Protein backbone atom coordinates (compact mmCIF):
# COMPACT_ATOMS: atom_id res chain seq x y z
CA MET A 1 -49.41 38.08 91.30
CA ILE A 2 -49.52 35.89 88.21
CA GLN A 3 -46.41 34.52 86.58
CA LYS A 4 -45.69 32.53 83.46
CA THR A 5 -44.22 29.06 83.85
CA ASP A 6 -41.99 26.82 81.74
CA ILE A 7 -45.06 25.57 79.83
CA GLU A 8 -46.63 27.83 77.22
CA GLY A 9 -49.89 29.30 78.58
CA LEU A 10 -49.63 27.66 82.03
CA LEU A 11 -49.88 30.34 84.70
CA LEU A 12 -49.11 30.27 88.43
CA GLN A 13 -51.04 32.74 90.55
CA THR A 14 -49.66 33.47 94.01
CA PRO A 15 -51.83 35.21 96.63
CA GLY A 16 -51.41 38.63 98.15
CA GLN A 17 -50.06 39.36 101.60
CA ARG A 18 -51.63 37.45 104.48
CA PHE A 19 -52.88 39.47 107.45
CA SER A 20 -53.08 37.32 110.60
CA ASP A 21 -54.28 37.86 114.14
CA ASP A 22 -55.65 35.74 116.97
CA ARG A 23 -58.90 35.17 115.03
CA GLY A 24 -57.22 33.72 111.93
CA PHE A 25 -56.16 35.51 108.74
CA PHE A 26 -57.34 37.42 105.67
CA GLN A 27 -55.75 37.15 102.25
CA GLU A 28 -56.67 38.10 98.70
CA THR A 29 -56.21 34.93 96.68
CA TRP A 30 -56.74 36.16 93.12
CA HIS A 31 -57.87 38.96 90.83
CA ARG A 32 -59.60 38.10 87.59
CA ASP A 33 -58.35 41.28 85.89
CA GLU A 34 -54.74 40.07 86.23
CA LEU A 35 -55.66 36.76 84.62
CA ASP A 36 -57.65 38.50 81.88
CA GLU A 37 -54.67 40.71 81.07
CA LEU A 38 -52.29 37.79 80.66
CA LEU A 39 -54.84 35.77 78.67
CA ASP A 40 -55.70 38.81 76.55
CA LYS A 41 -59.38 37.92 77.00
CA GLU A 42 -61.96 37.72 79.76
CA TRP A 43 -61.88 34.54 81.88
CA LYS A 44 -65.41 33.19 82.09
CA HIS A 45 -66.02 29.91 83.84
CA VAL A 46 -69.24 27.95 83.34
CA GLN A 47 -68.77 25.09 85.79
CA GLU A 48 -67.04 24.48 89.12
CA ASN A 49 -65.90 21.05 90.25
CA GLN A 50 -64.69 19.63 93.54
CA ALA A 51 -62.90 16.38 94.35
CA ILE A 52 -62.10 15.10 97.81
CA SER A 53 -59.33 12.52 97.95
CA LYS A 54 -57.34 10.80 100.66
CA LYS A 55 -53.59 10.53 101.13
CA GLY A 56 -51.79 8.48 98.49
CA VAL A 57 -54.40 8.98 95.75
CA LEU A 58 -53.14 9.94 92.30
CA ARG A 59 -55.62 11.33 89.75
CA GLY A 60 -54.70 11.82 86.11
CA ILE A 61 -53.09 12.51 83.73
CA HIS A 62 -56.38 13.94 82.40
CA VAL A 63 -56.45 16.00 79.22
CA ALA A 64 -59.41 18.20 78.34
CA PRO A 65 -60.46 20.72 75.68
CA TRP A 66 -61.21 23.39 78.28
CA ASN A 67 -59.18 25.79 80.40
CA LYS A 68 -59.02 25.19 84.17
CA LEU A 69 -58.33 27.39 87.15
CA ILE A 70 -57.28 25.11 90.04
CA HIS A 71 -56.99 25.76 93.76
CA ILE A 72 -56.87 23.74 96.97
CA SER A 73 -59.41 24.50 99.71
CA SER A 74 -57.94 22.07 102.21
CA GLY A 75 -54.82 19.90 102.25
CA GLU A 76 -51.88 19.61 99.86
CA VAL A 77 -51.12 18.02 96.49
CA PHE A 78 -48.11 17.43 94.29
CA SER A 79 -49.51 18.76 91.01
CA VAL A 80 -48.11 17.93 87.56
CA ILE A 81 -49.08 19.63 84.30
CA VAL A 82 -48.02 18.09 80.97
CA ASP A 83 -48.19 19.96 77.67
CA LEU A 84 -49.96 17.57 75.27
CA ARG A 85 -50.68 20.12 72.53
CA PRO A 86 -48.82 18.96 69.39
CA ASN A 87 -48.47 22.51 68.03
CA SER A 88 -47.13 23.98 71.27
CA PRO A 89 -43.45 24.97 71.59
CA THR A 90 -43.41 23.15 74.95
CA PHE A 91 -45.07 19.92 73.67
CA LYS A 92 -44.37 16.92 75.97
CA LYS A 93 -42.79 19.10 78.65
CA HIS A 94 -44.06 18.74 82.23
CA GLN A 95 -43.78 20.86 85.32
CA SER A 96 -44.67 20.15 88.95
CA PHE A 97 -46.02 22.39 91.70
CA THR A 98 -47.04 22.16 95.34
CA LEU A 99 -50.61 23.39 95.72
CA SER A 100 -52.01 23.69 99.22
CA GLN A 101 -54.43 25.49 101.44
CA GLU A 102 -51.40 27.00 103.14
CA ASN A 103 -49.70 28.55 100.08
CA ALA A 104 -53.05 29.39 98.36
CA ASN A 105 -51.43 29.17 94.91
CA ARG A 106 -53.64 28.67 91.87
CA LEU A 107 -52.86 27.22 88.47
CA PHE A 108 -54.40 28.29 85.20
CA VAL A 109 -54.12 25.22 82.95
CA PRO A 110 -54.70 25.79 79.24
CA ALA A 111 -56.88 23.44 77.20
CA GLY A 112 -54.91 20.49 75.86
CA CYS A 113 -52.53 20.26 78.80
CA GLY A 114 -52.64 17.15 80.95
CA ASN A 115 -53.44 17.60 84.61
CA ALA A 116 -52.57 15.17 87.41
CA TYR A 117 -52.10 15.34 91.14
CA TYR A 118 -50.93 13.19 94.02
CA VAL A 119 -52.41 13.76 97.49
CA VAL A 120 -49.69 14.49 100.05
CA SER A 121 -51.88 15.42 103.07
CA ASP A 122 -54.31 13.13 104.88
CA GLU A 123 -57.13 14.51 102.72
CA VAL A 124 -57.46 17.20 100.08
CA VAL A 125 -60.32 19.31 98.77
CA TYR A 126 -59.32 20.00 95.15
CA GLU A 127 -61.44 22.57 93.33
CA TYR A 128 -61.38 23.95 89.83
CA GLN A 129 -63.36 26.12 87.47
CA VAL A 130 -63.66 25.35 83.75
CA ASP A 131 -64.73 27.45 80.77
CA LYS A 132 -66.67 24.67 78.99
CA TYR A 133 -69.24 22.19 80.22
CA TYR A 134 -68.23 18.56 80.74
CA PHE A 135 -70.21 15.94 78.82
CA PRO A 136 -69.69 12.26 79.64
CA SER A 137 -70.11 11.03 76.06
CA LYS A 138 -68.89 12.14 72.67
CA GLU A 139 -72.45 12.28 71.35
CA GLN A 140 -73.16 15.18 73.72
CA GLY A 141 -69.93 17.04 73.12
CA VAL A 142 -66.20 16.91 73.65
CA ILE A 143 -64.89 14.56 76.29
CA GLU A 144 -61.83 14.33 78.49
CA ARG A 145 -59.01 11.92 77.58
CA SER A 146 -56.14 10.56 79.66
CA VAL A 147 -52.52 9.40 79.62
CA VAL A 148 -51.09 6.84 82.05
CA TRP A 149 -49.57 8.48 85.13
CA ASN A 150 -46.21 6.65 84.95
CA ASP A 151 -45.50 6.93 81.23
CA SER A 152 -41.79 6.20 80.68
CA GLU A 153 -41.41 8.87 78.00
CA LEU A 154 -42.66 11.59 80.36
CA ALA A 155 -40.55 10.24 83.27
CA ILE A 156 -42.39 12.22 85.96
CA ASP A 157 -40.72 11.93 89.36
CA TRP A 158 -43.79 11.16 91.48
CA PRO A 159 -43.43 11.12 95.29
CA ASP A 160 -44.96 7.62 95.40
CA LYS A 161 -44.30 4.76 92.97
CA GLU A 162 -47.40 2.82 94.10
CA PRO A 163 -50.21 5.39 94.45
CA LEU A 164 -53.91 4.63 94.84
CA LEU A 165 -55.49 4.81 91.38
CA SER A 166 -59.02 4.56 90.05
CA GLU A 167 -59.78 1.59 87.82
CA LYS A 168 -60.06 4.02 84.90
CA ASP A 169 -56.67 5.63 85.58
CA GLN A 170 -55.05 2.17 85.78
CA GLN A 171 -56.11 1.58 82.17
CA ASN A 172 -55.05 4.90 80.63
CA PRO A 173 -53.03 4.69 77.41
CA THR A 174 -49.36 5.54 77.17
CA LEU A 175 -48.41 8.89 75.69
CA GLN A 176 -47.53 7.22 72.38
CA GLU A 177 -50.91 5.41 72.27
CA PHE A 178 -52.66 8.69 73.12
CA LEU A 179 -50.90 10.36 70.18
CA ASP A 180 -51.35 7.41 67.79
CA GLN A 181 -55.10 7.34 68.48
CA GLY A 182 -55.37 11.02 67.51
CA TYR A 183 -56.62 12.15 70.93
CA ALA A 184 -54.29 15.17 71.06
CA GLN A 185 -55.58 16.43 67.71
CA GLU A 186 -59.17 15.76 68.77
CA ILE A 187 -58.76 17.84 71.92
CA GLU A 188 -56.86 20.59 70.13
CA LYS A 189 -59.58 20.82 67.47
CA ASN A 190 -62.28 21.15 70.14
CA SER A 191 -60.43 23.58 72.42
């Protein structure tokens, strides 16, 4: 089942019934036709990505000009999505979710929304599909941008105030700097 969230275009997909026995379990985790119906177009991904992170790691807030379909293969994360699309009715709003192997929930994140997660379990296998190819430099195409994880204007209530961050994520701009530099418009234009 797919349901709308408090953020325009952000969708939460919950799995079907789980059938368990002494061997394990079987569960349908998603149907593309349901997603297509809500999107009013066919979901076509061109690239799949996987990140493995340990407990206490925080990744994000990353903003990209492509749509993402996120799921967790192993472990658990505290996931936060921030609407960074200036023309959206839910601009600057954020919403959090628990994504785990156990609940098998998936998030469809629309282009222009910021995506971040904090690893709650000992390790997580975080996987997502995207509908555009990633290019590491602007010369090759559109690139991903970021906003600092603890921006005071967003006031996200993270489970850890001192997470493990990459060097890059430690240097992300504030939301105001992100907006002043025109990154939101750049991503929106290339979405």
